[in-house]
Amino acid sequence: MKMNWLDWTTGVLVIIGALNWGLVGLFDYNLVSAILGDMTFLTRTVYVLVGISGLYMIYSLATKSMVKE
């Protein structure tokens, strides 16, 4: 299975989101907010892109698991 640029980009964003949530859960530390500021335009943009990436990953996994080789 070959990954295109969208798969790679969304994968990286989902990993960033997962690591950020892990830090929030374990240490009450939000790395995205620490780097980009508390609810700035950039921070909100990253959160939106992570959310859209998660939805794309759901779609991608669902459609690729239905394809028979």
C-alpha atoms as a PDB file:
ATOM      1  CA  MET A   1       0.000   0.000   0.000  1.00  0.00           C
ATOM      2  CA  LYS A   2       1.546   3.249  -1.161  1.00  0.00           C
ATOM      3  CA  MET A   3       0.876   6.461   0.769  1.00  0.00           C
ATOM      4  CA  ASN A   4       0.358   9.753  -1.044  1.00  0.00           C
ATOM      5  CA  TRP A   5       1.151  13.236   0.307  1.00  0.00           C
ATOM      6  CA  LEU A   6      -2.293  13.601   1.875  1.00  0.00           C
ATOM      7  CA  ASP A   7      -1.909  10.319   3.764  1.00  0.00           C
ATOM      8  CA  TRP A   8       1.495  11.432   5.085  1.00  0.00           C
ATOM      9  CA  THR A   9       0.307  14.911   6.045  1.00  0.00           C
ATOM     10  CA  THR A  10      -2.787  13.691   7.845  1.00  0.00           C
ATOM     11  CA  GLY A  11      -0.775  10.953   9.533  1.00  0.00           C
ATOM     12  CA  VAL A  12       1.701  13.490  10.914  1.00  0.00           C
ATOM     13  CA  LEU A  13      -1.105  15.770  12.106  1.00  0.00           C
ATOM     14  CA  VAL A  14      -2.900  12.882  13.828  1.00  0.00           C
ATOM     15  CA  ILE A  15       0.351  11.898  15.560  1.00  0.00           C
ATOM     16  CA  ILE A  16       0.843  15.497  16.713  1.00  0.00           C
ATOM     17  CA  GLY A  17      -2.709  15.517  18.073  1.00  0.00           C
ATOM     18  CA  ALA A  18      -2.251  12.184  19.823  1.00  0.00           C
ATOM     19  CA  LEU A  19       1.013  13.251  21.441  1.00  0.00           C
ATOM     20  CA  ASN A  20      -0.521  16.546  22.530  1.00  0.00           C
ATOM     21  CA  TRP A  21      -3.503  14.776  24.125  1.00  0.00           C
ATOM     22  CA  GLY A  22      -1.121  12.352  25.827  1.00  0.00           C
ATOM     23  CA  LEU A  23       0.785  15.271  27.338  1.00  0.00           C
ATOM     24  CA  VAL A  24      -2.468  16.917  28.431  1.00  0.00           C
ATOM     25  CA  GLY A  25      -3.666  13.703  30.050  1.00  0.00           C
ATOM     26  CA  LEU A  26      -0.425  12.795  31.771  1.00  0.00           C
ATOM     27  CA  PHE A  27       1.039  16.153  32.725  1.00  0.00           C
ATOM     28  CA  ASP A  28      -1.717  18.741  32.130  1.00  0.00           C
ATOM     29  CA  TYR A  29       0.621  20.330  29.564  1.00  0.00           C
ATOM     30  CA  ASN A  30      -0.663  21.491  26.187  1.00  0.00           C
ATOM     31  CA  LEU A  31       2.339  21.606  23.856  1.00  0.00           C
ATOM     32  CA  VAL A  32       0.449  23.196  20.952  1.00  0.00           C
ATOM     33  CA  SER A  33      -0.719  26.068  23.156  1.00  0.00           C
ATOM     34  CA  ALA A  34       2.733  26.395  24.692  1.00  0.00           C
ATOM     35  CA  ILE A  35       4.308  26.817  21.245  1.00  0.00           C
ATOM     36  CA  LEU A  36       1.612  28.806  19.434  1.00  0.00           C
ATOM     37  CA  GLY A  37      -0.150  30.590  22.296  1.00  0.00           C
ATOM     38  CA  ASP A  38      -3.387  29.998  24.139  1.00  0.00           C
ATOM     39  CA  MET A  39      -6.210  29.852  21.576  1.00  0.00           C
ATOM     40  CA  THR A  40      -4.542  32.057  19.005  1.00  0.00           C
ATOM     41  CA  PHE A  41      -5.532  31.814  15.354  1.00  0.00           C
ATOM     42  CA  LEU A  42      -2.598  29.442  14.706  1.00  0.00           C
ATOM     43  CA  THR A  43      -3.463  27.211  17.649  1.00  0.00           C
ATOM     44  CA  ARG A  44      -7.079  26.945  16.543  1.00  0.00           C
ATOM     45  CA  THR A  45      -5.934  26.250  12.978  1.00  0.00           C
ATOM     46  CA  VAL A  46      -3.753  23.365  14.167  1.00  0.00           C
ATOM     47  CA  TYR A  47      -6.659  21.935  16.198  1.00  0.00           C
ATOM     48  CA  VAL A  48      -9.001  22.172  13.193  1.00  0.00           C
ATOM     49  CA  LEU A  49      -6.431  20.540  10.878  1.00  0.00           C
ATOM     50  CA  VAL A  50      -5.865  17.728  13.404  1.00  0.00           C
ATOM     51  CA  GLY A  51      -9.628  17.157  13.602  1.00  0.00           C
ATOM     52  CA  ILE A  52     -10.048  17.119   9.819  1.00  0.00           C
ATOM     53  CA  SER A  53      -7.056  14.774   9.583  1.00  0.00           C
ATOM     54  CA  GLY A  54      -8.707  12.395  12.028  1.00  0.00           C
ATOM     55  CA  LEU A  55     -11.867  12.354   9.925  1.00  0.00           C
ATOM     56  CA  TYR A  56      -9.814  11.730   6.787  1.00  0.00           C
ATOM     57  CA  MET A  57      -7.994   8.861   8.509  1.00  0.00           C
ATOM     58  CA  ILE A  58     -11.344   7.276   9.458  1.00  0.00           C
ATOM     59  CA  TYR A  59     -12.530   7.599   5.856  1.00  0.00           C
ATOM     60  CA  SER A  60      -9.223   6.331   4.486  1.00  0.00           C
ATOM     61  CA  LEU A  61      -9.082   3.305   6.763  1.00  0.00           C
ATOM     62  CA  ALA A  62     -12.733   2.452   6.093  1.00  0.00           C
ATOM     63  CA  THR A  63     -12.413   2.642   2.320  1.00  0.00           C
ATOM     64  CA  LYS A  64      -9.044   0.885   2.115  1.00  0.00           C
ATOM     65  CA  SER A  65     -10.208  -1.955   4.351  1.00  0.00           C
ATOM     66  CA  MET A  66     -13.119  -2.591   1.957  1.00  0.00           C
ATOM     67  CA  VAL A  67     -10.863  -2.897  -1.104  1.00  0.00           C
ATOM     68  CA  LYS A  68      -9.990  -6.490  -1.939  1.00  0.00           C
ATOM     69  CA  GLU A  69      -6.702  -7.195  -3.576  1.00  0.00           C
END
